[in-house]
PDB file of N, CA and C in Angstrom:
ATOM      1  N   MET A   1      -3.347   6.237   3.203  1.00  0.00           N
ATOM      2  CA  MET A   1      -4.794   6.167   3.000  1.00  0.00           C
ATOM      3  C   MET A   1      -5.070   6.086   1.492  1.00  0.00           C
ATOM      4  N   ILE A   2      -5.910   5.176   1.109  1.00  0.00           N
ATOM      5  CA  ILE A   2      -6.248   4.985  -0.300  1.00  0.00           C
ATOM      6  C   ILE A   2      -7.516   5.757  -0.656  1.00  0.00           C
ATOM      7  N   ILE A   3      -8.512   5.700   0.207  1.00  0.00           N
ATOM      8  CA  ILE A   3      -9.789   6.382  -0.014  1.00  0.00           C
ATOM      9  C   ILE A   3      -9.910   7.493   1.028  1.00  0.00           C
ATOM     10  N   ASP A   4     -10.258   8.707   0.572  1.00  0.00           N
ATOM     11  CA  ASP A   4     -10.382   9.829   1.504  1.00  0.00           C
ATOM     12  C   ASP A   4     -11.769   9.850   2.156  1.00  0.00           C
ATOM     13  N   GLU A   5     -11.996  10.833   3.008  1.00  0.00           N
ATOM     14  CA  GLU A   5     -13.260  10.912   3.754  1.00  0.00           C
ATOM     15  C   GLU A   5     -14.477  11.177   2.869  1.00  0.00           C
ATOM     16  N   GLN A   6     -14.262  11.635   1.633  1.00  0.00           N
ATOM     17  CA  GLN A   6     -15.375  11.817   0.689  1.00  0.00           C
ATOM     18  C   GLN A   6     -15.622  10.574  -0.175  1.00  0.00           C
ATOM     19  N   GLY A   7     -14.837   9.505   0.075  1.00  0.00           N
ATOM     20  CA  GLY A   7     -15.021   8.278  -0.699  1.00  0.00           C
ATOM     21  C   GLY A   7     -14.301   8.287  -2.038  1.00  0.00           C
ATOM     22  N   ARG A   8     -13.358   9.205  -2.212  1.00  0.00           N
ATOM     23  CA  ARG A   8     -12.605   9.310  -3.463  1.00  0.00           C
ATOM     24  C   ARG A   8     -11.202   8.753  -3.265  1.00  0.00           C
ATOM     25  N   LEU A   9     -10.542   8.393  -4.368  1.00  0.00           N
ATOM     26  CA  LEU A   9      -9.135   8.008  -4.282  1.00  0.00           C
ATOM     27  C   LEU A   9      -8.364   9.185  -3.702  1.00  0.00           C
ATOM     28  N   ASP A  10      -7.547   8.927  -2.693  1.00  0.00           N
ATOM     29  CA  ASP A  10      -6.873   9.987  -1.959  1.00  0.00           C
ATOM     30  C   ASP A  10      -5.841  10.712  -2.828  1.00  0.00           C
ATOM     31  N   ALA A  11      -5.874  12.027  -2.769  1.00  0.00           N
ATOM     32  CA  ALA A  11      -4.989  12.878  -3.576  1.00  0.00           C
ATOM     33  C   ALA A  11      -3.515  12.639  -3.279  1.00  0.00           C
ATOM     34  N   SER A  12      -3.194  12.180  -2.076  1.00  0.00           N
ATOM     35  CA  SER A  12      -1.790  11.971  -1.717  1.00  0.00           C
ATOM     36  C   SER A  12      -1.146  10.822  -2.494  1.00  0.00           C
ATOM     37  N   ASN A  13      -1.945   9.998  -3.155  1.00  0.00           N
ATOM     38  CA  ASN A  13      -1.426   8.889  -3.949  1.00  0.00           C
ATOM     39  C   ASN A  13      -1.217   9.254  -5.412  1.00  0.00           C
ATOM     40  N   TYR A  14      -1.481  10.513  -5.773  1.00  0.00           N
ATOM     41  CA  TYR A  14      -1.318  10.957  -7.159  1.00  0.00           C
ATOM     42  C   TYR A  14       0.012  11.668  -7.346  1.00  0.00           C
ATOM     43  N   THR A  15       0.625  11.422  -8.498  1.00  0.00           N
ATOM     44  CA  THR A  15       1.853  12.094  -8.904  1.00  0.00           C
ATOM     45  C   THR A  15       1.685  12.502 -10.358  1.00  0.00           C
ATOM     46  N   LYS A  16       2.254  13.652 -10.719  1.00  0.00           N
ATOM     47  CA  LYS A  16       2.258  14.070 -12.129  1.00  0.00           C
ATOM     48  C   LYS A  16       3.546  13.583 -12.775  1.00  0.00           C
ATOM     49  N   TYR A  17       3.395  12.958 -13.942  1.00  0.00           N
ATOM     50  CA  TYR A  17       4.537  12.518 -14.729  1.00  0.00           C
ATOM     51  C   TYR A  17       4.489  13.222 -16.073  1.00  0.00           C
ATOM     52  N   GLU A  18       5.611  13.792 -16.482  1.00  0.00           N
ATOM     53  CA  GLU A  18       5.710  14.420 -17.798  1.00  0.00           C
ATOM     54  C   GLU A  18       6.080  13.327 -18.800  1.00  0.00           C
ATOM     55  N   VAL A  19       5.210  13.135 -19.781  1.00  0.00           N
ATOM     56  CA  VAL A  19       5.396  12.105 -20.796  1.00  0.00           C
ATOM     57  C   VAL A  19       5.150  12.747 -22.153  1.00  0.00           C
ATOM     58  N   ASP A  20       6.150  12.697 -23.010  1.00  0.00           N
ATOM     59  CA  ASP A  20       6.029  13.241 -24.370  1.00  0.00           C
ATOM     60  C   ASP A  20       5.516  14.681 -24.376  1.00  0.00           C
ATOM     61  N   GLY A  21       5.976  15.479 -23.428  1.00  0.00           N
ATOM     62  CA  GLY A  21       5.641  16.902 -23.401  1.00  0.00           C
ATOM     63  C   GLY A  21       4.333  17.257 -22.734  1.00  0.00           C
ATOM     64  N   VAL A  22       3.630  16.271 -22.180  1.00  0.00           N
ATOM     65  CA  VAL A  22       2.385  16.547 -21.456  1.00  0.00           C
ATOM     66  C   VAL A  22       2.458  15.911 -20.069  1.00  0.00           C
ATOM     67  N   ASN A  23       1.671  16.422 -19.135  1.00  0.00           N
ATOM     68  CA  ASN A  23       1.647  15.897 -17.772  1.00  0.00           C
ATOM     69  C   ASN A  23       0.439  15.000 -17.568  1.00  0.00           C
ATOM     70  N   LEU A  24       0.695  13.785 -17.071  1.00  0.00           N
ATOM     71  CA  LEU A  24      -0.366  12.847 -16.743  1.00  0.00           C
ATOM     72  C   LEU A  24      -0.455  12.719 -15.232  1.00  0.00           C
ATOM     73  N   SER A  25      -1.671  12.698 -14.720  1.00  0.00           N
ATOM     74  CA  SER A  25      -1.921  12.493 -13.309  1.00  0.00           C
ATOM     75  C   SER A  25      -2.058  10.993 -13.077  1.00  0.00           C
ATOM     76  N   VAL A  26      -1.227  10.460 -12.162  1.00  0.00           N
ATOM     77  CA  VAL A  26      -1.136   9.011 -11.987  1.00  0.00           C
ATOM     78  C   VAL A  26      -1.325   8.642 -10.522  1.00  0.00           C
ATOM     79  N   PHE A  27      -2.266   7.754 -10.267  1.00  0.00           N
ATOM     80  CA  PHE A  27      -2.500   7.188  -8.945  1.00  0.00           C
ATOM     81  C   PHE A  27      -1.644   5.946  -8.820  1.00  0.00           C
ATOM     82  N   GLU A  28      -0.932   5.810  -7.680  1.00  0.00           N
ATOM     83  CA  GLU A  28      -0.116   4.618  -7.452  1.00  0.00           C
ATOM     84  C   GLU A  28      -0.266   4.194  -6.000  1.00  0.00           C
ATOM     85  N   ALA A  29      -0.430   2.897  -5.787  1.00  0.00           N
ATOM     86  CA  ALA A  29      -0.548   2.357  -4.429  1.00  0.00           C
ATOM     87  C   ALA A  29      -0.104   0.905  -4.429  1.00  0.00           C
ATOM     88  N   GLY A  30       0.332   0.457  -3.265  1.00  0.00           N
ATOM     89  CA  GLY A  30       0.750  -0.924  -3.107  1.00  0.00           C
ATOM     90  C   GLY A  30       2.254  -1.080  -3.229  1.00  0.00           C
ATOM     91  N   ASP A  31       2.706  -2.263  -2.924  1.00  0.00           N
ATOM     92  CA  ASP A  31       4.126  -2.596  -2.905  1.00  0.00           C
ATOM     93  C   ASP A  31       4.608  -2.872  -4.329  1.00  0.00           C
ATOM     94  N   ARG A  32       5.648  -2.161  -4.761  1.00  0.00           N
ATOM     95  CA  ARG A  32       6.203  -2.374  -6.107  1.00  0.00           C
ATOM     96  C   ARG A  32       6.807  -3.763  -6.279  1.00  0.00           C
ATOM     97  N   ALA A  33       7.033  -4.474  -5.193  1.00  0.00           N
ATOM     98  CA  ALA A  33       7.535  -5.850  -5.292  1.00  0.00           C
ATOM     99  C   ALA A  33       6.430  -6.807  -5.758  1.00  0.00           C
ATOM    100  N   ASN A  34       5.176  -6.393  -5.635  1.00  0.00           N
ATOM    101  CA  ASN A  34       4.032  -7.204  -6.068  1.00  0.00           C
ATOM    102  C   ASN A  34       3.802  -7.012  -7.564  1.00  0.00           C
ATOM    103  N   PRO A  35       3.043  -7.908  -8.204  1.00  0.00           N
ATOM    104  CA  PRO A  35       2.712  -7.720  -9.621  1.00  0.00           C
ATOM    105  C   PRO A  35       1.991  -6.382  -9.834  1.00  0.00           C
ATOM    106  N   THR A  36       2.385  -5.676 -10.896  1.00  0.00           N
ATOM    107  CA  THR A  36       1.799  -4.367 -11.204  1.00  0.00           C
ATOM    108  C   THR A  36       0.622  -4.518 -12.153  1.00  0.00           C
ATOM    109  N   LEU A  37      -0.496  -3.940 -11.764  1.00  0.00           N
ATOM    110  CA  LEU A  37      -1.685  -3.874 -12.602  1.00  0.00           C
ATOM    111  C   LEU A  37      -1.878  -2.417 -12.998  1.00  0.00           C
ATOM    112  N   VAL A  38      -1.853  -2.146 -14.302  1.00  0.00           N
ATOM    113  CA  VAL A  38      -2.015  -0.788 -14.821  1.00  0.00           C
ATOM    114  C   VAL A  38      -3.455  -0.634 -15.298  1.00  0.00           C
ATOM    115  N   MET A  39      -4.091   0.450 -14.849  1.00  0.00           N
ATOM    116  CA  MET A  39      -5.501   0.670 -15.175  1.00  0.00           C
ATOM    117  C   MET A  39      -5.669   2.008 -15.904  1.00  0.00           C
ATOM    118  N   PHE A  40      -6.400   1.980 -17.014  1.00  0.00           N
ATOM    119  CA  PHE A  40      -6.769   3.193 -17.735  1.00  0.00           C
ATOM    120  C   PHE A  40      -8.286   3.209 -17.885  1.00  0.00           C
ATOM    121  N   HIS A  41      -8.864   4.331 -17.613  1.00  0.00           N
ATOM    122  CA  HIS A  41     -10.322   4.502 -17.655  1.00  0.00           C
ATOM    123  C   HIS A  41     -10.816   4.722 -19.080  1.00  0.00           C
ATOM    124  N   GLY A  42     -12.107   4.602 -19.250  1.00  0.00           N
ATOM    125  CA  GLY A  42     -12.744   4.915 -20.516  1.00  0.00           C
ATOM    126  C   GLY A  42     -13.127   6.384 -20.571  1.00  0.00           C
ATOM    127  N   ALA A  43     -13.689   6.782 -21.698  1.00  0.00           N
ATOM    128  CA  ALA A  43     -14.124   8.171 -21.860  1.00  0.00           C
ATOM    129  C   ALA A  43     -15.593   8.259 -21.481  1.00  0.00           C
ATOM    130  N   PRO A  44     -15.996   9.308 -20.887  1.00  0.00           N
ATOM    131  CA  PRO A  44     -15.304  10.542 -20.512  1.00  0.00           C
ATOM    132  C   PRO A  44     -14.889  10.557 -19.042  1.00  0.00           C
ATOM    133  N   HIS A  45     -14.532   9.445 -18.484  1.00  0.00           N
ATOM    134  CA  HIS A  45     -14.286   9.316 -17.049  1.00  0.00           C
ATOM    135  C   HIS A  45     -12.865   9.688 -16.646  1.00  0.00           C
ATOM    136  N   ASN A  46     -12.495   9.346 -15.408  1.00  0.00           N
ATOM    137  CA  ASN A  46     -11.137   9.517 -14.900  1.00  0.00           C
ATOM    138  C   ASN A  46     -10.856   8.377 -13.929  1.00  0.00           C
ATOM    139  N   THR A  47      -9.704   8.415 -13.283  1.00  0.00           N
ATOM    140  CA  THR A  47      -9.308   7.309 -12.402  1.00  0.00           C
ATOM    141  C   THR A  47     -10.249   7.104 -11.227  1.00  0.00           C
ATOM    142  N   GLN A  48     -11.051   8.093 -10.882  1.00  0.00           N
ATOM    143  CA  GLN A  48     -11.984   7.935  -9.757  1.00  0.00           C
ATOM    144  C   GLN A  48     -12.987   6.801  -9.994  1.00  0.00           C
ATOM    145  N   GLU A  49     -13.183   6.405 -11.240  1.00  0.00           N
ATOM    146  CA  GLU A  49     -14.119   5.301 -11.489  1.00  0.00           C
ATOM    147  C   GLU A  49     -13.596   3.981 -10.921  1.00  0.00           C
ATOM    148  N   PHE A  50     -12.311   3.924 -10.561  1.00  0.00           N
ATOM    149  CA  PHE A  50     -11.719   2.712  -9.994  1.00  0.00           C
ATOM    150  C   PHE A  50     -11.723   2.713  -8.461  1.00  0.00           C
ATOM    151  N   ARG A  51     -12.359   3.686  -7.825  1.00  0.00           N
ATOM    152  CA  ARG A  51     -12.300   3.830  -6.362  1.00  0.00           C
ATOM    153  C   ARG A  51     -12.887   2.632  -5.621  1.00  0.00           C
ATOM    154  N   PHE A  52     -13.751   1.864  -6.265  1.00  0.00           N
ATOM    155  CA  PHE A  52     -14.313   0.677  -5.626  1.00  0.00           C
ATOM    156  C   PHE A  52     -13.465  -0.566  -5.906  1.00  0.00           C
ATOM    157  N   ASN A  53     -12.734  -0.565  -7.018  1.00  0.00           N
ATOM    158  CA  ASN A  53     -11.933  -1.716  -7.420  1.00  0.00           C
ATOM    159  C   ASN A  53     -10.558  -1.742  -6.752  1.00  0.00           C
ATOM    160  N   ILE A  54      -9.944  -0.581  -6.637  1.00  0.00           N
ATOM    161  CA  ILE A  54      -8.547  -0.528  -6.184  1.00  0.00           C
ATOM    162  C   ILE A  54      -8.338  -1.119  -4.793  1.00  0.00           C
ATOM    163  N   PRO A  55      -9.164  -0.810  -3.793  1.00  0.00           N
ATOM    164  CA  PRO A  55      -8.920  -1.422  -2.481  1.00  0.00           C
ATOM    165  C   PRO A  55      -8.917  -2.955  -2.534  1.00  0.00           C
ATOM    166  N   ALA A  56      -9.833  -3.548  -3.285  1.00  0.00           N
ATOM    167  CA  ALA A  56      -9.887  -5.011  -3.395  1.00  0.00           C
ATOM    168  C   ALA A  56      -8.664  -5.560  -4.132  1.00  0.00           C
ATOM    169  N   LEU A  57      -8.210  -4.846  -5.154  1.00  0.00           N
ATOM    170  CA  LEU A  57      -7.035  -5.295  -5.897  1.00  0.00           C
ATOM    171  C   LEU A  57      -5.769  -5.192  -5.049  1.00  0.00           C
ATOM    172  N   LEU A  58      -5.686  -4.174  -4.213  1.00  0.00           N
ATOM    173  CA  LEU A  58      -4.561  -4.057  -3.288  1.00  0.00           C
ATOM    174  C   LEU A  58      -4.597  -5.201  -2.277  1.00  0.00           C
ATOM    175  N   ASP A  59      -5.790  -5.505  -1.763  1.00  0.00           N
ATOM    176  CA  ASP A  59      -5.944  -6.617  -0.823  1.00  0.00           C
ATOM    177  C   ASP A  59      -5.564  -7.952  -1.470  1.00  0.00           C
ATOM    178  N   ALA A  60      -5.750  -8.044  -2.791  1.00  0.00           N
ATOM    179  CA  ALA A  60      -5.405  -9.268  -3.522  1.00  0.00           C
ATOM    180  C   ALA A  60      -3.907  -9.357  -3.817  1.00  0.00           C
ATOM    181  N   GLY A  61      -3.156  -8.314  -3.443  1.00  0.00           N
ATOM    182  CA  GLY A  61      -1.710  -8.367  -3.584  1.00  0.00           C
ATOM    183  C   GLY A  61      -1.118  -7.706  -4.802  1.00  0.00           C
ATOM    184  N   PHE A  62      -1.856  -6.811  -5.428  1.00  0.00           N
ATOM    185  CA  PHE A  62      -1.328  -6.098  -6.592  1.00  0.00           C
ATOM    186  C   PHE A  62      -0.735  -4.754  -6.206  1.00  0.00           C
ATOM    187  N   HIS A  63       0.213  -4.310  -7.009  1.00  0.00           N
ATOM    188  CA  HIS A  63       0.693  -2.931  -7.020  1.00  0.00           C
ATOM    189  C   HIS A  63      -0.132  -2.253  -8.117  1.00  0.00           C
ATOM    190  N   ILE A  64      -0.782  -1.141  -7.803  1.00  0.00           N
ATOM    191  CA  ILE A  64      -1.726  -0.507  -8.734  1.00  0.00           C
ATOM    192  C   ILE A  64      -1.176   0.809  -9.274  1.00  0.00           C
ATOM    193  N   VAL A  65      -1.297   0.969 -10.579  1.00  0.00           N
ATOM    194  CA  VAL A  65      -1.020   2.233 -11.257  1.00  0.00           C
ATOM    195  C   VAL A  65      -2.270   2.545 -12.089  1.00  0.00           C
ATOM    196  N   ALA A  66      -2.867   3.699 -11.836  1.00  0.00           N
ATOM    197  CA  ALA A  66      -4.053   4.123 -12.600  1.00  0.00           C
ATOM    198  C   ALA A  66      -3.819   5.553 -13.068  1.00  0.00           C
ATOM    199  N   ALA A  67      -3.824   5.744 -14.370  1.00  0.00           N
ATOM    200  CA  ALA A  67      -3.499   7.057 -14.941  1.00  0.00           C
ATOM    201  C   ALA A  67      -4.720   7.703 -15.579  1.00  0.00           C
ATOM    202  N   ASP A  68      -4.825   9.016 -15.369  1.00  0.00           N
ATOM    203  CA  ASP A  68      -5.842   9.791 -16.082  1.00  0.00           C
ATOM    204  C   ASP A  68      -5.347  10.030 -17.503  1.00  0.00           C
ATOM    205  N   HIS A  69      -6.165   9.684 -18.482  1.00  0.00           N
ATOM    206  CA  HIS A  69      -5.820   9.974 -19.873  1.00  0.00           C
ATOM    207  C   HIS A  69      -5.679  11.479 -20.066  1.00  0.00           C
ATOM    208  N   LEU A  70      -5.015  11.837 -21.125  1.00  0.00           N
ATOM    209  CA  LEU A  70      -4.902  13.235 -21.507  1.00  0.00           C
ATOM    210  C   LEU A  70      -6.305  13.825 -21.636  1.00  0.00           C
ATOM    211  N   GLY A  71      -6.523  14.970 -21.015  1.00  0.00           N
ATOM    212  CA  GLY A  71      -7.830  15.626 -21.079  1.00  0.00           C
ATOM    213  C   GLY A  71      -8.786  15.211 -19.976  1.00  0.00           C
ATOM    214  N   ALA A  72      -8.349  14.306 -19.094  1.00  0.00           N
ATOM    215  CA  ALA A  72      -9.230  13.813 -18.025  1.00  0.00           C
ATOM    216  C   ALA A  72      -8.569  14.010 -16.662  1.00  0.00           C
ATOM    217  N   GLY A  73      -9.400  14.047 -15.623  1.00  0.00           N
ATOM    218  CA  GLY A  73      -8.876  14.198 -14.265  1.00  0.00           C
ATOM    219  C   GLY A  73      -7.971  15.406 -14.156  1.00  0.00           C
ATOM    220  N   ASP A  74      -6.810  15.217 -13.526  1.00  0.00           N
ATOM    221  CA  ASP A  74      -5.840  16.301 -13.390  1.00  0.00           C
ATOM    222  C   ASP A  74      -4.741  16.250 -14.440  1.00  0.00           C
ATOM    223  N   SER A  75      -4.895  15.427 -15.463  1.00  0.00           N
ATOM    224  CA  SER A  75      -3.923  15.414 -16.553  1.00  0.00           C
ATOM    225  C   SER A  75      -4.102  16.663 -17.414  1.00  0.00           C
ATOM    226  N   ASP A  76      -3.055  16.988 -18.175  1.00  0.00           N
ATOM    227  CA  ASP A  76      -3.120  18.167 -19.054  1.00  0.00           C
ATOM    228  C   ASP A  76      -4.263  18.048 -20.060  1.00  0.00           C
ATOM    229  N   ARG A  77      -4.703  19.200 -20.543  1.00  0.00           N
ATOM    230  CA  ARG A  77      -5.769  19.281 -21.551  1.00  0.00           C
ATOM    231  C   ARG A  77      -5.319  20.151 -22.730  1.00  0.00           C
ATOM    232  N   PRO A  78      -4.324  19.683 -23.488  1.00  0.00           N
ATOM    233  CA  PRO A  78      -3.860  20.494 -24.616  1.00  0.00           C
ATOM    234  C   PRO A  78      -4.931  20.615 -25.698  1.00  0.00           C
ATOM    235  N   MET A  79      -4.826  21.661 -26.483  1.00  0.00           N
ATOM    236  CA  MET A  79      -5.817  21.930 -27.533  1.00  0.00           C
ATOM    237  C   MET A  79      -5.551  21.156 -28.826  1.00  0.00           C
ATOM    238  N   GLU A  80      -4.348  20.587 -29.003  1.00  0.00           N
ATOM    239  CA  GLU A  80      -3.997  19.901 -30.248  1.00  0.00           C
ATOM    240  C   GLU A  80      -4.800  18.607 -30.387  1.00  0.00           C
ATOM    241  N   VAL A  81      -5.703  18.583 -31.336  1.00  0.00           N
ATOM    242  CA  VAL A  81      -6.621  17.462 -31.533  1.00  0.00           C
ATOM    243  C   VAL A  81      -5.873  16.163 -31.835  1.00  0.00           C
ATOM    244  N   ASP A  82      -4.748  16.252 -32.537  1.00  0.00           N
ATOM    245  CA  ASP A  82      -4.029  15.037 -32.932  1.00  0.00           C
ATOM    246  C   ASP A  82      -3.409  14.289 -31.744  1.00  0.00           C
ATOM    247  N   LEU A  83      -3.393  14.888 -30.562  1.00  0.00           N
ATOM    248  CA  LEU A  83      -2.880  14.208 -29.362  1.00  0.00           C
ATOM    249  C   LEU A  83      -3.897  13.245 -28.754  1.00  0.00           C
ATOM    250  N   TYR A  84      -5.155  13.339 -29.191  1.00  0.00           N
ATOM    251  CA  TYR A  84      -6.243  12.550 -28.613  1.00  0.00           C
ATOM    252  C   TYR A  84      -6.647  11.418 -29.555  1.00  0.00           C
ATOM    253  N   SER A  85      -5.986  10.283 -29.406  1.00  0.00           N
ATOM    254  CA  SER A  85      -6.335   9.104 -30.201  1.00  0.00           C
ATOM    255  C   SER A  85      -5.946   7.864 -29.408  1.00  0.00           C
ATOM    256  N   GLY A  86      -6.519   6.744 -29.767  1.00  0.00           N
ATOM    257  CA  GLY A  86      -6.170   5.496 -29.117  1.00  0.00           C
ATOM    258  C   GLY A  86      -4.692   5.173 -29.281  1.00  0.00           C
ATOM    259  N   GLU A  87      -4.156   5.442 -30.457  1.00  0.00           N
ATOM    260  CA  GLU A  87      -2.734   5.186 -30.707  1.00  0.00           C
ATOM    261  C   GLU A  87      -1.848   6.049 -29.803  1.00  0.00           C
ATOM    262  N   LYS A  88      -2.191   7.321 -29.677  1.00  0.00           N
ATOM    263  CA  LYS A  88      -1.422   8.221 -28.799  1.00  0.00           C
ATOM    264  C   LYS A  88      -1.562   7.815 -27.337  1.00  0.00           C
ATOM    265  N   ASP A  89      -2.769   7.393 -26.925  1.00  0.00           N
ATOM    266  CA  ASP A  89      -2.963   6.917 -25.550  1.00  0.00           C
ATOM    267  C   ASP A  89      -2.053   5.719 -25.275  1.00  0.00           C
ATOM    268  N   TYR A  90      -1.993   4.792 -26.219  1.00  0.00           N
ATOM    269  CA  TYR A  90      -1.140   3.611 -26.079  1.00  0.00           C
ATOM    270  C   TYR A  90       0.329   4.011 -25.962  1.00  0.00           C
ATOM    271  N   GLU A  91       0.780   4.896 -26.859  1.00  0.00           N
ATOM    272  CA  GLU A  91       2.176   5.346 -26.832  1.00  0.00           C
ATOM    273  C   GLU A  91       2.514   6.019 -25.504  1.00  0.00           C
ATOM    274  N   ARG A  92       1.597   6.858 -24.999  1.00  0.00           N
ATOM    275  CA  ARG A  92       1.832   7.524 -23.710  1.00  0.00           C
ATOM    276  C   ARG A  92       1.849   6.514 -22.561  1.00  0.00           C
ATOM    277  N   ALA A  93       1.003   5.490 -22.631  1.00  0.00           N
ATOM    278  CA  ALA A  93       0.968   4.468 -21.575  1.00  0.00           C
ATOM    279  C   ALA A  93       2.304   3.736 -21.495  1.00  0.00           C
ATOM    280  N   ILE A  94       2.848   3.338 -22.622  1.00  0.00           N
ATOM    281  CA  ILE A  94       4.135   2.641 -22.640  1.00  0.00           C
ATOM    282  C   ILE A  94       5.243   3.582 -22.166  1.00  0.00           C
ATOM    283  N   ALA A  95       5.223   4.828 -22.623  1.00  0.00           N
ATOM    284  CA  ALA A  95       6.223   5.810 -22.190  1.00  0.00           C
ATOM    285  C   ALA A  95       6.114   6.071 -20.686  1.00  0.00           C
ATOM    286  N   LEU A  96       4.895   6.083 -20.154  1.00  0.00           N
ATOM    287  CA  LEU A  96       4.693   6.284 -18.725  1.00  0.00           C
ATOM    288  C   LEU A  96       5.302   5.126 -17.937  1.00  0.00           C
ATOM    289  N   MET A  97       5.086   3.900 -18.392  1.00  0.00           N
ATOM    290  CA  MET A  97       5.654   2.754 -17.688  1.00  0.00           C
ATOM    291  C   MET A  97       7.185   2.836 -17.689  1.00  0.00           C
ATOM    292  N   ASP A  98       7.757   3.241 -18.823  1.00  0.00           N
ATOM    293  CA  ASP A  98       9.207   3.435 -18.889  1.00  0.00           C
ATOM    294  C   ASP A  98       9.655   4.505 -17.899  1.00  0.00           C
ATOM    295  N   LYS A  99       8.938   5.606 -17.860  1.00  0.00           N
ATOM    296  CA  LYS A  99       9.279   6.723 -16.968  1.00  0.00           C
ATOM    297  C   LYS A  99       9.212   6.288 -15.500  1.00  0.00           C
ATOM    298  N   MET A 100       8.246   5.433 -15.181  1.00  0.00           N
ATOM    299  CA  MET A 100       8.081   4.947 -13.805  1.00  0.00           C
ATOM    300  C   MET A 100       9.033   3.791 -13.470  1.00  0.00           C
ATOM    301  N   GLY A 101       9.765   3.309 -14.478  1.00  0.00           N
ATOM    302  CA  GLY A 101      10.701   2.219 -14.249  1.00  0.00           C
ATOM    303  C   GLY A 101      10.032   0.869 -14.078  1.00  0.00           C
ATOM    304  N   LEU A 102       8.871   0.699 -14.688  1.00  0.00           N
ATOM    305  CA  LEU A 102       8.113  -0.552 -14.576  1.00  0.00           C
ATOM    306  C   LEU A 102       8.297  -1.368 -15.859  1.00  0.00           C
ATOM    307  N   ASP A 103       9.044  -2.474 -15.729  1.00  0.00           N
ATOM    308  CA  ASP A 103       9.337  -3.307 -16.898  1.00  0.00           C
ATOM    309  C   ASP A 103       8.284  -4.373 -17.144  1.00  0.00           C
ATOM    310  N   GLN A 104       7.633  -4.841 -16.083  1.00  0.00           N
ATOM    311  CA  GLN A 104       6.612  -5.872 -16.210  1.00  0.00           C
ATOM    312  C   GLN A 104       5.335  -5.384 -15.566  1.00  0.00           C
ATOM    313  N   PHE A 105       4.224  -5.567 -16.285  1.00  0.00           N
ATOM    314  CA  PHE A 105       2.932  -5.105 -15.767  1.00  0.00           C
ATOM    315  C   PHE A 105       1.820  -5.782 -16.545  1.00  0.00           C
ATOM    316  N   TYR A 106       0.652  -5.754 -15.940  1.00  0.00           N
ATOM    317  CA  TYR A 106      -0.556  -6.289 -16.582  1.00  0.00           C
ATOM    318  C   TYR A 106      -1.460  -5.140 -16.935  1.00  0.00           C
TER     319      TYR A 106
END
């Protein structure tokens, strides 16, 4: 199930990944044999903002990975201010793809 009875992305599709000493909450759905589309939300949101897009993207044949940024959703919320920057978000995104074993993605 992708969407639960409350209309939210189903919790069973989320996994925590430890990346660079912090835990990121990551939604994953679809066949890994399909092209992977990686989605990151804007601030101050979380992956739930994609709840209307993901079903259509899955129907279009994508494998979906949507991660909550640090400080959002169920991802860790460390107090160190220097962890919250666009550069750090980018570095964590690439490290997350490596951790998940995804070499090619959009």
